[in-house]
Amino acid sequence: MIKTIKELLIDWWAENNTTKMPIPTIYTYEVEVDGKAITIESMSRSRMYIHYKARKKYPKAKYIRVISRKRQY
């Protein structure tokens, strides 16, 4: 049985073609900036990226340290 392009398209649209996208994970880190503890959220698990985000947020800070990852959700 030969199908026309229209029939092939109808069959393709009728199928369940939903792709399952991964749920984004948000990581919350506790960061010390000049003696003050702040919280930074990111979609990256990298501690270096968290340090970079803290440096971008507080460019004049003399001391930045990533203390710990608090949670992920």
PDB file of N, CA and C in Angstrom:
ATOM      1  N   MET A   1       0.850  -1.183   0.000  1.00  0.00           N
ATOM      2  CA  MET A   1       0.000   0.000   0.000  1.00  0.00           C
ATOM      3  C   MET A   1       0.887   1.235   0.000  1.00  0.00           C
ATOM      4  N   ILE A   2       0.727   2.064  -0.965  1.00  0.00           N
ATOM      5  CA  ILE A   2       1.502   3.294  -1.085  1.00  0.00           C
ATOM      6  C   ILE A   2       0.691   4.427  -0.458  1.00  0.00           C
ATOM      7  N   LYS A   3       1.360   5.172   0.452  1.00  0.00           N
ATOM      8  CA  LYS A   3       0.689   6.288   1.120  1.00  0.00           C
ATOM      9  C   LYS A   3       1.151   7.603   0.496  1.00  0.00           C
ATOM     10  N   THR A   4       0.243   8.537   0.462  1.00  0.00           N
ATOM     11  CA  THR A   4       0.592   9.854  -0.035  1.00  0.00           C
ATOM     12  C   THR A   4       1.286  10.638   1.077  1.00  0.00           C
ATOM     13  N   ILE A   5       1.878  11.731   0.697  1.00  0.00           N
ATOM     14  CA  ILE A   5       2.560  12.579   1.685  1.00  0.00           C
ATOM     15  C   ILE A   5       1.564  13.097   2.714  1.00  0.00           C
ATOM     16  N   LYS A   6       0.372  13.421   2.268  1.00  0.00           N
ATOM     17  CA  LYS A   6      -0.655  13.913   3.190  1.00  0.00           C
ATOM     18  C   LYS A   6      -1.001  12.847   4.225  1.00  0.00           C
ATOM     19  N   GLU A   7      -1.149  11.609   3.808  1.00  0.00           N
ATOM     20  CA  GLU A   7      -1.454  10.528   4.740  1.00  0.00           C
ATOM     21  C   GLU A   7      -0.303  10.277   5.705  1.00  0.00           C
ATOM     22  N   LEU A   8       0.925  10.351   5.198  1.00  0.00           N
ATOM     23  CA  LEU A   8       2.091  10.188   6.073  1.00  0.00           C
ATOM     24  C   LEU A   8       2.158  11.287   7.130  1.00  0.00           C
ATOM     25  N   LEU A   9       1.854  12.518   6.736  1.00  0.00           N
ATOM     26  CA  LEU A   9       1.850  13.626   7.689  1.00  0.00           C
ATOM     27  C   LEU A   9       0.757  13.457   8.736  1.00  0.00           C
ATOM     28  N   ILE A  10      -0.411  13.013   8.315  1.00  0.00           N
ATOM     29  CA  ILE A  10      -1.511  12.795   9.260  1.00  0.00           C
ATOM     30  C   ILE A  10      -1.126  11.700  10.255  1.00  0.00           C
ATOM     31  N   ASP A  11      -0.511  10.626   9.771  1.00  0.00           N
ATOM     32  CA  ASP A  11      -0.059   9.560  10.664  1.00  0.00           C
ATOM     33  C   ASP A  11       1.000  10.071  11.642  1.00  0.00           C
ATOM     34  N   TRP A  12       1.909  10.898  11.147  1.00  0.00           N
ATOM     35  CA  TRP A  12       2.986  11.428  11.994  1.00  0.00           C
ATOM     36  C   TRP A  12       2.411  12.347  13.076  1.00  0.00           C
ATOM     37  N   TRP A  13       1.439  13.216  12.711  1.00  0.00           N
ATOM     38  CA  TRP A  13       0.840  14.119  13.691  1.00  0.00           C
ATOM     39  C   TRP A  13      -0.028  13.364  14.692  1.00  0.00           C
ATOM     40  N   ALA A  14      -0.600  12.250  14.274  1.00  0.00           N
ATOM     41  CA  ALA A  14      -1.482  11.490  15.152  1.00  0.00           C
ATOM     42  C   ALA A  14      -0.712  10.721  16.223  1.00  0.00           C
ATOM     43  N   GLU A  15       0.557  10.413  15.968  1.00  0.00           N
ATOM     44  CA  GLU A  15       1.347   9.673  16.952  1.00  0.00           C
ATOM     45  C   GLU A  15       1.640  10.539  18.169  1.00  0.00           C
ATOM     46  N   ASN A  16       1.970   9.870  19.229  1.00  0.00           N
ATOM     47  CA  ASN A  16       2.350  10.582  20.453  1.00  0.00           C
ATOM     48  C   ASN A  16       3.844  10.875  20.359  1.00  0.00           C
ATOM     49  N   ASN A  17       4.194  12.048  19.901  1.00  0.00           N
ATOM     50  CA  ASN A  17       5.590  12.416  19.669  1.00  0.00           C
ATOM     51  C   ASN A  17       6.143  13.332  20.753  1.00  0.00           C
ATOM     52  N   THR A  18       5.599  13.271  21.927  1.00  0.00           N
ATOM     53  CA  THR A  18       6.096  14.147  22.978  1.00  0.00           C
ATOM     54  C   THR A  18       7.439  13.626  23.473  1.00  0.00           C
ATOM     55  N   THR A  19       8.395  14.499  23.500  1.00  0.00           N
ATOM     56  CA  THR A  19       9.706  14.128  24.028  1.00  0.00           C
ATOM     57  C   THR A  19       9.747  14.489  25.495  1.00  0.00           C
ATOM     58  N   LYS A  20      10.339  13.654  26.279  1.00  0.00           N
ATOM     59  CA  LYS A  20      10.416  13.905  27.708  1.00  0.00           C
ATOM     60  C   LYS A  20      11.670  14.718  27.989  1.00  0.00           C
ATOM     61  N   MET A  21      11.458  15.954  28.356  1.00  0.00           N
ATOM     62  CA  MET A  21      12.567  16.849  28.656  1.00  0.00           C
ATOM     63  C   MET A  21      12.982  16.654  30.109  1.00  0.00           C
ATOM     64  N   PRO A  22      14.274  16.738  30.378  1.00  0.00           N
ATOM     65  CA  PRO A  22      14.705  16.604  31.767  1.00  0.00           C
ATOM     66  C   PRO A  22      14.264  17.816  32.590  1.00  0.00           C
ATOM     67  N   ILE A  23      13.916  17.566  33.823  1.00  0.00           N
ATOM     68  CA  ILE A  23      13.509  18.641  34.721  1.00  0.00           C
ATOM     69  C   ILE A  23      14.763  19.379  35.164  1.00  0.00           C
ATOM     70  N   PRO A  24      14.801  20.699  35.027  1.00  0.00           N
ATOM     71  CA  PRO A  24      16.001  21.422  35.441  1.00  0.00           C
ATOM     72  C   PRO A  24      16.200  21.338  36.955  1.00  0.00           C
ATOM     73  N   THR A  25      17.422  21.146  37.345  1.00  0.00           N
ATOM     74  CA  THR A  25      17.769  21.045  38.756  1.00  0.00           C
ATOM     75  C   THR A  25      18.409  22.354  39.189  1.00  0.00           C
ATOM     76  N   ILE A  26      17.936  22.902  40.285  1.00  0.00           N
ATOM     77  CA  ILE A  26      18.491  24.152  40.817  1.00  0.00           C
ATOM     78  C   ILE A  26      19.259  23.822  42.086  1.00  0.00           C
ATOM     79  N   TYR A  27      20.490  24.259  42.122  1.00  0.00           N
ATOM     80  CA  TYR A  27      21.357  24.029  43.271  1.00  0.00           C
ATOM     81  C   TYR A  27      21.485  25.327  44.065  1.00  0.00           C
ATOM     82  N   THR A  28      21.412  25.229  45.367  1.00  0.00           N
ATOM     83  CA  THR A  28      21.532  26.380  46.248  1.00  0.00           C
ATOM     84  C   THR A  28      22.822  26.249  47.042  1.00  0.00           C
ATOM     85  N   TYR A  29      23.663  27.259  46.951  1.00  0.00           N
ATOM     86  CA  TYR A  29      24.950  27.253  47.633  1.00  0.00           C
ATOM     87  C   TYR A  29      25.016  28.364  48.668  1.00  0.00           C
ATOM     88  N   GLU A  30      25.734  28.101  49.729  1.00  0.00           N
ATOM     89  CA  GLU A  30      26.013  29.124  50.732  1.00  0.00           C
ATOM     90  C   GLU A  30      27.417  29.651  50.442  1.00  0.00           C
ATOM     91  N   VAL A  31      27.528  30.960  50.271  1.00  0.00           N
ATOM     92  CA  VAL A  31      28.782  31.594  49.896  1.00  0.00           C
ATOM     93  C   VAL A  31      29.110  32.671  50.917  1.00  0.00           C
ATOM     94  N   GLU A  32      30.356  32.735  51.315  1.00  0.00           N
ATOM     95  CA  GLU A  32      30.809  33.767  52.244  1.00  0.00           C
ATOM     96  C   GLU A  32      31.506  34.866  51.445  1.00  0.00           C
ATOM     97  N   VAL A  33      30.985  36.085  51.575  1.00  0.00           N
ATOM     98  CA  VAL A  33      31.539  37.241  50.874  1.00  0.00           C
ATOM     99  C   VAL A  33      31.931  38.279  51.912  1.00  0.00           C
ATOM    100  N   ASP A  34      33.218  38.466  52.097  1.00  0.00           N
ATOM    101  CA  ASP A  34      33.743  39.429  53.083  1.00  0.00           C
ATOM    102  C   ASP A  34      33.118  39.235  54.467  1.00  0.00           C
ATOM    103  N   GLY A  35      32.987  38.001  54.890  1.00  0.00           N
ATOM    104  CA  GLY A  35      32.483  37.698  56.217  1.00  0.00           C
ATOM    105  C   GLY A  35      30.975  37.560  56.326  1.00  0.00           C
ATOM    106  N   LYS A  36      30.234  37.880  55.248  1.00  0.00           N
ATOM    107  CA  LYS A  36      28.777  37.745  55.261  1.00  0.00           C
ATOM    108  C   LYS A  36      28.391  36.497  54.497  1.00  0.00           C
ATOM    109  N   ALA A  37      27.455  35.740  55.038  1.00  0.00           N
ATOM    110  CA  ALA A  37      26.968  34.544  54.355  1.00  0.00           C
ATOM    111  C   ALA A  37      25.791  34.922  53.465  1.00  0.00           C
ATOM    112  N   ILE A  38      25.889  34.582  52.182  1.00  0.00           N
ATOM    113  CA  ILE A  38      24.808  34.837  51.231  1.00  0.00           C
ATOM    114  C   ILE A  38      24.434  33.512  50.572  1.00  0.00           C
ATOM    115  N   THR A  39      23.315  33.500  49.902  1.00  0.00           N
ATOM    116  CA  THR A  39      22.833  32.311  49.199  1.00  0.00           C
ATOM    117  C   THR A  39      22.779  32.615  47.708  1.00  0.00           C
ATOM    118  N   ILE A  40      23.341  31.708  46.915  1.00  0.00           N
ATOM    119  CA  ILE A  40      23.314  31.855  45.459  1.00  0.00           C
ATOM    120  C   ILE A  40      22.720  30.593  44.865  1.00  0.00           C
ATOM    121  N   GLU A  41      21.779  30.779  43.929  1.00  0.00           N
ATOM    122  CA  GLU A  41      21.167  29.652  43.236  1.00  0.00           C
ATOM    123  C   GLU A  41      21.723  29.565  41.823  1.00  0.00           C
ATOM    124  N   SER A  42      21.878  28.338  41.348  1.00  0.00           N
ATOM    125  CA  SER A  42      22.417  28.127  40.016  1.00  0.00           C
ATOM    126  C   SER A  42      21.893  26.812  39.458  1.00  0.00           C
ATOM    127  N   MET A  43      21.939  26.679  38.143  1.00  0.00           N
ATOM    128  CA  MET A  43      21.592  25.422  37.504  1.00  0.00           C
ATOM    129  C   MET A  43      22.835  24.575  37.261  1.00  0.00           C
ATOM    130  N   SER A  44      23.986  25.101  37.631  1.00  0.00           N
ATOM    131  CA  SER A  44      25.242  24.381  37.466  1.00  0.00           C
ATOM    132  C   SER A  44      25.714  23.841  38.808  1.00  0.00           C
ATOM    133  N   ARG A  45      26.316  22.642  38.798  1.00  0.00           N
ATOM    134  CA  ARG A  45      26.829  22.054  40.039  1.00  0.00           C
ATOM    135  C   ARG A  45      28.245  22.519  40.335  1.00  0.00           C
ATOM    136  N   SER A  46      28.861  23.212  39.424  1.00  0.00           N
ATOM    137  CA  SER A  46      30.262  23.589  39.557  1.00  0.00           C
ATOM    138  C   SER A  46      30.457  24.673  40.621  1.00  0.00           C
ATOM    139  N   ARG A  47      31.351  24.397  41.569  1.00  0.00           N
ATOM    140  CA  ARG A  47      31.649  25.378  42.610  1.00  0.00           C
ATOM    141  C   ARG A  47      32.400  26.576  42.029  1.00  0.00           C
ATOM    142  N   MET A  48      33.178  26.334  40.977  1.00  0.00           N
ATOM    143  CA  MET A  48      33.899  27.438  40.327  1.00  0.00           C
ATOM    144  C   MET A  48      32.917  28.409  39.667  1.00  0.00           C
ATOM    145  N   TYR A  49      31.831  27.886  39.114  1.00  0.00           N
ATOM    146  CA  TYR A  49      30.824  28.750  38.511  1.00  0.00           C
ATOM    147  C   TYR A  49      30.114  29.576  39.580  1.00  0.00           C
ATOM    148  N   ILE A  50      29.868  28.981  40.728  1.00  0.00           N
ATOM    149  CA  ILE A  50      29.257  29.721  41.839  1.00  0.00           C
ATOM    150  C   ILE A  50      30.199  30.833  42.292  1.00  0.00           C
ATOM    151  N   HIS A  51      31.484  30.526  42.364  1.00  0.00           N
ATOM    152  CA  HIS A  51      32.477  31.545  42.731  1.00  0.00           C
ATOM    153  C   HIS A  51      32.474  32.671  41.701  1.00  0.00           C
ATOM    154  N   TYR A  52      32.377  32.321  40.420  1.00  0.00           N
ATOM    155  CA  TYR A  52      32.311  33.313  39.345  1.00  0.00           C
ATOM    156  C   TYR A  52      31.058  34.185  39.470  1.00  0.00           C
ATOM    157  N   LYS A  53      29.908  33.563  39.769  1.00  0.00           N
ATOM    158  CA  LYS A  53      28.672  34.341  39.936  1.00  0.00           C
ATOM    159  C   LYS A  53      28.779  35.301  41.121  1.00  0.00           C
ATOM    160  N   ALA A  54      29.404  34.847  42.197  1.00  0.00           N
ATOM    161  CA  ALA A  54      29.576  35.719  43.363  1.00  0.00           C
ATOM    162  C   ALA A  54      30.516  36.872  43.023  1.00  0.00           C
ATOM    163  N   ARG A  55      31.559  36.595  42.245  1.00  0.00           N
ATOM    164  CA  ARG A  55      32.499  37.645  41.843  1.00  0.00           C
ATOM    165  C   ARG A  55      31.818  38.663  40.942  1.00  0.00           C
ATOM    166  N   LYS A  56      30.900  38.194  40.059  1.00  0.00           N
ATOM    167  CA  LYS A  56      30.166  39.119  39.185  1.00  0.00           C
ATOM    168  C   LYS A  56      29.174  39.965  39.986  1.00  0.00           C
ATOM    169  N   LYS A  57      28.574  39.356  41.023  1.00  0.00           N
ATOM    170  CA  LYS A  57      27.584  40.074  41.826  1.00  0.00           C
ATOM    171  C   LYS A  57      28.252  41.066  42.779  1.00  0.00           C
ATOM    172  N   TYR A  58      29.402  40.694  43.314  1.00  0.00           N
ATOM    173  CA  TYR A  58      30.144  41.546  44.246  1.00  0.00           C
ATOM    174  C   TYR A  58      31.553  41.766  43.701  1.00  0.00           C
ATOM    175  N   PRO A  59      31.718  42.661  42.726  1.00  0.00           N
ATOM    176  CA  PRO A  59      33.030  42.816  42.081  1.00  0.00           C
ATOM    177  C   PRO A  59      34.111  43.411  42.994  1.00  0.00           C
ATOM    178  N   LYS A  60      33.724  44.146  44.019  1.00  0.00           N
ATOM    179  CA  LYS A  60      34.712  44.775  44.899  1.00  0.00           C
ATOM    180  C   LYS A  60      35.006  43.955  46.149  1.00  0.00           C
ATOM    181  N   ALA A  61      34.495  42.757  46.219  1.00  0.00           N
ATOM    182  CA  ALA A  61      34.723  41.909  47.394  1.00  0.00           C
ATOM    183  C   ALA A  61      36.184  41.472  47.438  1.00  0.00           C
ATOM    184  N   LYS A  62      36.735  41.468  48.644  1.00  0.00           N
ATOM    185  CA  LYS A  62      38.124  41.053  48.811  1.00  0.00           C
ATOM    186  C   LYS A  62      38.242  39.556  49.078  1.00  0.00           C
ATOM    187  N   TYR A  63      37.186  38.957  49.617  1.00  0.00           N
ATOM    188  CA  TYR A  63      37.250  37.564  50.035  1.00  0.00           C
ATOM    189  C   TYR A  63      35.945  36.867  49.671  1.00  0.00           C
ATOM    190  N   ILE A  64      36.030  35.835  48.839  1.00  0.00           N
ATOM    191  CA  ILE A  64      34.853  35.054  48.461  1.00  0.00           C
ATOM    192  C   ILE A  64      35.194  33.582  48.650  1.00  0.00           C
ATOM    193  N   ARG A  65      34.285  32.877  49.335  1.00  0.00           N
ATOM    194  CA  ARG A  65      34.495  31.452  49.573  1.00  0.00           C
ATOM    195  C   ARG A  65      33.157  30.730  49.463  1.00  0.00           C
ATOM    196  N   VAL A  66      33.145  29.662  48.690  1.00  0.00           N
ATOM    197  CA  VAL A  66      31.947  28.818  48.585  1.00  0.00           C
ATOM    198  C   VAL A  66      31.999  27.847  49.750  1.00  0.00           C
ATOM    199  N   ILE A  67      31.036  27.965  50.660  1.00  0.00           N
ATOM    200  CA  ILE A  67      31.058  27.152  51.878  1.00  0.00           C
ATOM    201  C   ILE A  67      30.495  25.765  51.608  1.00  0.00           C
ATOM    202  N   SER A  68      29.249  25.690  51.173  1.00  0.00           N
ATOM    203  CA  SER A  68      28.645  24.373  50.973  1.00  0.00           C
ATOM    204  C   SER A  68      27.435  24.472  50.060  1.00  0.00           C
ATOM    205  N   ARG A  69      27.029  23.312  49.549  1.00  0.00           N
ATOM    206  CA  ARG A  69      25.789  23.236  48.797  1.00  0.00           C
ATOM    207  C   ARG A  69      24.693  22.888  49.787  1.00  0.00           C
ATOM    208  N   LYS A  70      23.693  23.733  49.876  1.00  0.00           N
ATOM    209  CA  LYS A  70      22.625  23.548  50.845  1.00  0.00           C
ATOM    210  C   LYS A  70      21.609  22.518  50.377  1.00  0.00           C
ATOM    211  N   ARG A  71      21.108  22.653  49.153  1.00  0.00           N
ATOM    212  CA  ARG A  71      20.088  21.730  48.678  1.00  0.00           C
ATOM    213  C   ARG A  71      20.007  21.786  47.168  1.00  0.00           C
ATOM    214  N   GLN A  72      19.308  20.840  46.633  1.00  0.00           N
ATOM    215  CA  GLN A  72      18.996  20.846  45.216  1.00  0.00           C
ATOM    216  C   GLN A  72      17.536  20.483  45.053  1.00  0.00           C
ATOM    217  N   TYR A  73      16.881  21.113  44.124  1.00  0.00           N
ATOM    218  CA  TYR A  73      15.467  20.837  43.869  1.00  0.00           C
ATOM    219  C   TYR A  73      15.153  21.090  42.415  1.00  0.00           C
TER     220      TYR A  73
END
